[in-house]
Amino acid sequence: MPKKFIKRYMPDHDKIRHHPHLNKLFGTLLHDPNLLHLNRRSVSGAFFIGLFLAFVPMPFQMIPAAALAIYFRTNLPLSVGLVWVSNPITMPPLFWFCYEVGAKIMGTPLQQSKGDFSMEWLSNQLSQIWEPFLLGCLIVGVTASLLGGFGIRLLWRLNVVRQWQLRQKLRLAMKGKQRTES
């Protein structure tokens, strides 16, 4: 089960709670057990936060992801880890897609990049394309976070129902076995 696999790599709650820098910054907010628990609410909330911030074009996305995870009491490591959907390798195509989405919605023509889309091209052209780029980042970020958050809730629910049905079948089989033995 994925929950057991993920739990092996989760940090110890006491280490985070008593970390001097985090404790100074967040205080008693770190004492919430949901920050490291793997339940439907905390995991889906982490997907909402992490996937949204993955598409926000800013440096150090992990810091606001951690702050929002602590504030909304969602799973902290997942929130921080999910912002790495946009990493230095995936960032250029993701941001180009965001720019295309924003340009299509605004009805503006695309500024063609000479060669491949890169962070250098983006920084040079940002004064001309910032509106469709940021609009696209907002739309794609909200869409990804909603699909990820609600998708995790749905998958979690389906897994719970499947596990419950398996337990019911096992109980019925055990009752049937007891009746035949009597």
C-alpha atoms as a PDB file:
ATOM      1  CA  MET A   1       0.000   0.000   0.000  1.00  0.00           C
ATOM      2  CA  PRO A   2       1.395   3.473  -0.863  1.00  0.00           C
ATOM      3  CA  LYS A   3       0.614   4.823   2.611  1.00  0.00           C
ATOM      4  CA  LYS A   4       2.978   2.353   4.276  1.00  0.00           C
ATOM      5  CA  PHE A   5       5.682   3.058   1.690  1.00  0.00           C
ATOM      6  CA  ILE A   6       5.435   6.826   2.155  1.00  0.00           C
ATOM      7  CA  LYS A   7       5.349   6.522   5.958  1.00  0.00           C
ATOM      8  CA  ARG A   8       8.818   4.953   5.930  1.00  0.00           C
ATOM      9  CA  TYR A   9      10.286   8.142   4.494  1.00  0.00           C
ATOM     10  CA  MET A  10       8.380  10.628   6.628  1.00  0.00           C
ATOM     11  CA  PRO A  11      10.477  12.597   9.115  1.00  0.00           C
ATOM     12  CA  ASP A  12      10.034  12.131  12.835  1.00  0.00           C
ATOM     13  CA  HIS A  13       7.454  14.518  14.256  1.00  0.00           C
ATOM     14  CA  ASP A  14       9.571  15.250  17.349  1.00  0.00           C
ATOM     15  CA  LYS A  15      12.537  16.280  15.203  1.00  0.00           C
ATOM     16  CA  ILE A  16      10.436  18.814  13.329  1.00  0.00           C
ATOM     17  CA  ARG A  17       8.636  19.985  16.464  1.00  0.00           C
ATOM     18  CA  HIS A  18      11.915  20.646  18.299  1.00  0.00           C
ATOM     19  CA  HIS A  19      13.948  21.983  15.360  1.00  0.00           C
ATOM     20  CA  PRO A  20      15.340  25.317  16.602  1.00  0.00           C
ATOM     21  CA  HIS A  21      14.881  27.357  13.407  1.00  0.00           C
ATOM     22  CA  LEU A  22      11.432  26.005  12.565  1.00  0.00           C
ATOM     23  CA  ASN A  23      10.315  26.324  16.171  1.00  0.00           C
ATOM     24  CA  LYS A  24      11.406  29.947  16.284  1.00  0.00           C
ATOM     25  CA  LEU A  25       9.577  30.724  13.035  1.00  0.00           C
ATOM     26  CA  PHE A  26       6.350  28.741  13.518  1.00  0.00           C
ATOM     27  CA  GLY A  27       6.187  28.162  17.270  1.00  0.00           C
ATOM     28  CA  THR A  28       3.391  25.914  18.480  1.00  0.00           C
ATOM     29  CA  LEU A  29       1.881  25.562  14.997  1.00  0.00           C
ATOM     30  CA  LEU A  30       4.353  22.715  14.465  1.00  0.00           C
ATOM     31  CA  HIS A  31       2.661  20.679  17.202  1.00  0.00           C
ATOM     32  CA  ASP A  32      -0.293  19.789  14.969  1.00  0.00           C
ATOM     33  CA  PRO A  33      -0.221  16.045  14.248  1.00  0.00           C
ATOM     34  CA  ASN A  34      -1.736  16.500  10.763  1.00  0.00           C
ATOM     35  CA  LEU A  35       1.529  17.976   9.536  1.00  0.00           C
ATOM     36  CA  LEU A  36       2.979  14.484   9.223  1.00  0.00           C
ATOM     37  CA  HIS A  37      -0.092  12.241   9.190  1.00  0.00           C
ATOM     38  CA  LEU A  38      -1.190  10.509   6.044  1.00  0.00           C
ATOM     39  CA  ASN A  39      -4.945  10.874   6.023  1.00  0.00           C
ATOM     40  CA  ARG A  40      -7.291  11.916   3.247  1.00  0.00           C
ATOM     41  CA  ARG A  41      -7.654  15.493   4.432  1.00  0.00           C
ATOM     42  CA  SER A  42      -3.996  16.244   5.035  1.00  0.00           C
ATOM     43  CA  VAL A  43      -2.751  14.553   1.862  1.00  0.00           C
ATOM     44  CA  SER A  44      -5.335  16.129  -0.437  1.00  0.00           C
ATOM     45  CA  GLY A  45      -4.651  19.525   1.136  1.00  0.00           C
ATOM     46  CA  ALA A  46      -0.956  19.011   0.489  1.00  0.00           C
ATOM     47  CA  PHE A  47      -1.736  18.319  -3.160  1.00  0.00           C
ATOM     48  CA  PHE A  48      -3.804  21.510  -3.382  1.00  0.00           C
ATOM     49  CA  ILE A  49      -0.963  23.594  -1.938  1.00  0.00           C
ATOM     50  CA  GLY A  50       2.009  21.887  -3.564  1.00  0.00           C
ATOM     51  CA  LEU A  51       0.617  21.681  -7.073  1.00  0.00           C
ATOM     52  CA  PHE A  52      -0.631  25.252  -7.015  1.00  0.00           C
ATOM     53  CA  LEU A  53       2.725  26.621  -5.877  1.00  0.00           C
ATOM     54  CA  ALA A  54       4.558  24.470  -8.428  1.00  0.00           C
ATOM     55  CA  PHE A  55       3.154  26.761 -11.115  1.00  0.00           C
ATOM     56  CA  VAL A  56       3.813  30.034  -9.310  1.00  0.00           C
ATOM     57  CA  PRO A  57       6.875  31.576 -10.977  1.00  0.00           C
ATOM     58  CA  MET A  58       8.947  32.536  -7.959  1.00  0.00           C
ATOM     59  CA  PRO A  59      12.141  31.341  -6.335  1.00  0.00           C
ATOM     60  CA  PHE A  60      12.135  29.268  -3.158  1.00  0.00           C
ATOM     61  CA  GLN A  61       8.619  27.871  -3.650  1.00  0.00           C
ATOM     62  CA  MET A  62       9.208  25.432  -0.804  1.00  0.00           C
ATOM     63  CA  ILE A  63       9.087  28.186   1.828  1.00  0.00           C
ATOM     64  CA  PRO A  64       5.531  29.346   1.047  1.00  0.00           C
ATOM     65  CA  ALA A  65       4.521  25.695   0.585  1.00  0.00           C
ATOM     66  CA  ALA A  66       5.749  24.909   4.102  1.00  0.00           C
ATOM     67  CA  ALA A  67       4.099  28.017   5.544  1.00  0.00           C
ATOM     68  CA  LEU A  68       0.764  27.252   3.871  1.00  0.00           C
ATOM     69  CA  ALA A  69       0.936  23.597   4.896  1.00  0.00           C
ATOM     70  CA  ILE A  70       1.476  24.623   8.504  1.00  0.00           C
ATOM     71  CA  TYR A  71      -1.236  27.281   8.358  1.00  0.00           C
ATOM     72  CA  PHE A  72      -3.834  24.983   6.733  1.00  0.00           C
ATOM     73  CA  ARG A  73      -2.659  21.953   8.756  1.00  0.00           C
ATOM     74  CA  THR A  74      -1.913  19.727   5.786  1.00  0.00           C
ATOM     75  CA  ASN A  75       0.889  17.237   5.245  1.00  0.00           C
ATOM     76  CA  LEU A  76       4.090  19.286   5.362  1.00  0.00           C
ATOM     77  CA  PRO A  77       6.553  17.003   3.518  1.00  0.00           C
ATOM     78  CA  LEU A  78       4.127  16.360   0.660  1.00  0.00           C
ATOM     79  CA  SER A  79       3.340  20.055   0.249  1.00  0.00           C
ATOM     80  CA  VAL A  80       7.008  20.905   0.071  1.00  0.00           C
ATOM     81  CA  GLY A  81       7.867  17.953  -2.157  1.00  0.00           C
ATOM     82  CA  LEU A  82       5.122  18.609  -4.693  1.00  0.00           C
ATOM     83  CA  VAL A  83       6.480  22.019  -5.623  1.00  0.00           C
ATOM     84  CA  TRP A  84       9.324  20.101  -7.248  1.00  0.00           C
ATOM     85  CA  VAL A  85       6.957  19.248 -10.089  1.00  0.00           C
ATOM     86  CA  SER A  86       8.472  22.414 -11.503  1.00  0.00           C
ATOM     87  CA  ASN A  87      12.170  21.783 -11.186  1.00  0.00           C
ATOM     88  CA  PRO A  88      15.008  23.176 -13.314  1.00  0.00           C
ATOM     89  CA  ILE A  89      14.436  20.453 -15.919  1.00  0.00           C
ATOM     90  CA  THR A  90      10.640  20.686 -16.180  1.00  0.00           C
ATOM     91  CA  MET A  91      10.309  24.421 -15.594  1.00  0.00           C
ATOM     92  CA  PRO A  92      10.886  25.653 -19.191  1.00  0.00           C
ATOM     93  CA  PRO A  93       8.212  23.432 -20.801  1.00  0.00           C
ATOM     94  CA  LEU A  94       5.764  24.005 -17.929  1.00  0.00           C
ATOM     95  CA  PHE A  95       6.161  27.761 -18.060  1.00  0.00           C
ATOM     96  CA  TRP A  96       5.928  27.759 -21.867  1.00  0.00           C
ATOM     97  CA  PHE A  97       2.659  25.853 -21.547  1.00  0.00           C
ATOM     98  CA  CYS A  98       1.435  28.383 -18.977  1.00  0.00           C
ATOM     99  CA  TYR A  99       2.382  31.217 -21.328  1.00  0.00           C
ATOM    100  CA  GLU A 100       0.517  29.544 -24.206  1.00  0.00           C
ATOM    101  CA  VAL A 101      -2.594  29.082 -22.065  1.00  0.00           C
ATOM    102  CA  GLY A 102      -2.535  32.713 -20.943  1.00  0.00           C
ATOM    103  CA  ALA A 103      -1.906  34.016 -24.468  1.00  0.00           C
ATOM    104  CA  LYS A 104      -4.758  31.909 -25.861  1.00  0.00           C
ATOM    105  CA  ILE A 105      -7.174  33.147 -23.185  1.00  0.00           C
ATOM    106  CA  MET A 106      -6.129  36.778 -23.630  1.00  0.00           C
ATOM    107  CA  GLY A 107      -6.156  36.460 -27.419  1.00  0.00           C
ATOM    108  CA  THR A 108      -2.590  37.735 -27.793  1.00  0.00           C
ATOM    109  CA  PRO A 109      -0.172  36.332 -30.351  1.00  0.00           C
ATOM    110  CA  LEU A 110       2.672  34.205 -29.039  1.00  0.00           C
ATOM    111  CA  GLN A 111       6.128  35.741 -28.915  1.00  0.00           C
ATOM    112  CA  GLN A 112       8.178  33.117 -30.700  1.00  0.00           C
ATOM    113  CA  SER A 113      11.413  32.194 -29.023  1.00  0.00           C
ATOM    114  CA  LYS A 114      14.528  31.886 -31.103  1.00  0.00           C
ATOM    115  CA  GLY A 115      15.481  28.304 -30.491  1.00  0.00           C
ATOM    116  CA  ASP A 116      14.235  26.613 -27.387  1.00  0.00           C
ATOM    117  CA  PHE A 117      12.254  28.301 -24.691  1.00  0.00           C
ATOM    118  CA  SER A 118      14.624  28.922 -21.806  1.00  0.00           C
ATOM    119  CA  MET A 119      14.709  30.838 -18.571  1.00  0.00           C
ATOM    120  CA  GLU A 120      17.033  33.366 -20.240  1.00  0.00           C
ATOM    121  CA  TRP A 121      14.478  33.987 -23.002  1.00  0.00           C
ATOM    122  CA  LEU A 122      11.746  34.302 -20.392  1.00  0.00           C
ATOM    123  CA  SER A 123      13.674  36.857 -18.345  1.00  0.00           C
ATOM    124  CA  ASN A 124      14.440  38.894 -21.492  1.00  0.00           C
ATOM    125  CA  GLN A 125      10.862  38.809 -22.774  1.00  0.00           C
ATOM    126  CA  LEU A 126       9.070  39.073 -19.428  1.00  0.00           C
ATOM    127  CA  SER A 127       8.338  42.781 -19.834  1.00  0.00           C
ATOM    128  CA  GLN A 128       6.332  41.952 -22.992  1.00  0.00           C
ATOM    129  CA  ILE A 129       4.695  38.661 -21.992  1.00  0.00           C
ATOM    130  CA  TRP A 130       4.130  39.009 -18.256  1.00  0.00           C
ATOM    131  CA  GLU A 131       0.339  39.350 -18.427  1.00  0.00           C
ATOM    132  CA  PRO A 132      -0.431  36.176 -20.411  1.00  0.00           C
ATOM    133  CA  PHE A 133       2.360  34.331 -18.613  1.00  0.00           C
ATOM    134  CA  LEU A 134       1.051  35.093 -15.110  1.00  0.00           C
ATOM    135  CA  LEU A 135      -2.556  34.492 -16.154  1.00  0.00           C
ATOM    136  CA  GLY A 136      -1.560  31.120 -17.590  1.00  0.00           C
ATOM    137  CA  CYS A 137       0.399  30.258 -14.433  1.00  0.00           C
ATOM    138  CA  LEU A 138      -2.643  31.105 -12.300  1.00  0.00           C
ATOM    139  CA  ILE A 139      -5.045  29.092 -14.452  1.00  0.00           C
ATOM    140  CA  VAL A 140      -2.774  26.068 -14.809  1.00  0.00           C
ATOM    141  CA  GLY A 141      -1.838  26.190 -11.107  1.00  0.00           C
ATOM    142  CA  VAL A 142      -5.461  26.315  -9.958  1.00  0.00           C
ATOM    143  CA  THR A 143      -6.440  23.571 -12.420  1.00  0.00           C
ATOM    144  CA  ALA A 144      -3.547  21.308 -11.389  1.00  0.00           C
ATOM    145  CA  SER A 145      -4.226  21.834  -7.693  1.00  0.00           C
ATOM    146  CA  LEU A 146      -7.946  21.120  -8.060  1.00  0.00           C
ATOM    147  CA  LEU A 147      -7.356  18.019 -10.173  1.00  0.00           C
ATOM    148  CA  GLY A 148      -4.635  16.787  -7.822  1.00  0.00           C
ATOM    149  CA  GLY A 149      -6.504  17.514  -4.600  1.00  0.00           C
ATOM    150  CA  PHE A 150      -9.855  16.141  -5.681  1.00  0.00           C
ATOM    151  CA  GLY A 151      -8.176  13.267  -7.523  1.00  0.00           C
ATOM    152  CA  ILE A 152      -6.383  12.197  -4.351  1.00  0.00           C
ATOM    153  CA  ARG A 153      -9.634  12.454  -2.382  1.00  0.00           C
ATOM    154  CA  LEU A 154     -11.380  10.266  -4.970  1.00  0.00           C
ATOM    155  CA  LEU A 155      -8.574   7.692  -5.113  1.00  0.00           C
ATOM    156  CA  TRP A 156      -8.410   7.597  -1.325  1.00  0.00           C
ATOM    157  CA  ARG A 157     -12.154   7.065  -1.101  1.00  0.00           C
ATOM    158  CA  LEU A 158     -12.068   4.317  -3.723  1.00  0.00           C
ATOM    159  CA  ASN A 159      -9.263   2.586  -1.832  1.00  0.00           C
ATOM    160  CA  VAL A 160     -11.188   2.774   1.452  1.00  0.00           C
ATOM    161  CA  VAL A 161     -14.298   1.324  -0.206  1.00  0.00           C
ATOM    162  CA  ARG A 162     -12.248  -1.456  -1.816  1.00  0.00           C
ATOM    163  CA  GLN A 163     -10.599  -2.330   1.503  1.00  0.00           C
ATOM    164  CA  TRP A 164     -13.984  -2.337   3.240  1.00  0.00           C
ATOM    165  CA  GLN A 165     -15.448  -4.648   0.574  1.00  0.00           C
ATOM    166  CA  LEU A 166     -12.502  -7.030   0.942  1.00  0.00           C
ATOM    167  CA  ARG A 167     -13.029  -7.152   4.705  1.00  0.00           C
ATOM    168  CA  GLN A 168     -16.751  -7.815   4.182  1.00  0.00           C
ATOM    169  CA  LYS A 169     -15.989 -10.712   1.808  1.00  0.00           C
ATOM    170  CA  LEU A 170     -13.504 -12.133   4.302  1.00  0.00           C
ATOM    171  CA  ARG A 171     -16.064 -11.916   7.122  1.00  0.00           C
ATOM    172  CA  LEU A 172     -18.704 -13.641   4.994  1.00  0.00           C
ATOM    173  CA  ALA A 173     -16.231 -16.351   4.027  1.00  0.00           C
ATOM    174  CA  MET A 174     -15.306 -16.876   7.677  1.00  0.00           C
ATOM    175  CA  LYS A 175     -19.001 -17.119   8.662  1.00  0.00           C
ATOM    176  CA  GLY A 176     -19.629 -19.605   5.874  1.00  0.00           C
ATOM    177  CA  LYS A 177     -16.632 -21.663   6.962  1.00  0.00           C
ATOM    178  CA  GLN A 178     -17.865 -21.675  10.578  1.00  0.00           C
ATOM    179  CA  ARG A 179     -21.353 -22.830   9.497  1.00  0.00           C
ATOM    180  CA  THR A 180     -19.986 -25.725   7.469  1.00  0.00           C
ATOM    181  CA  GLU A 181     -17.788 -26.840  10.364  1.00  0.00           C
ATOM    182  CA  SER A 182     -20.729 -26.889  12.812  1.00  0.00           C
END
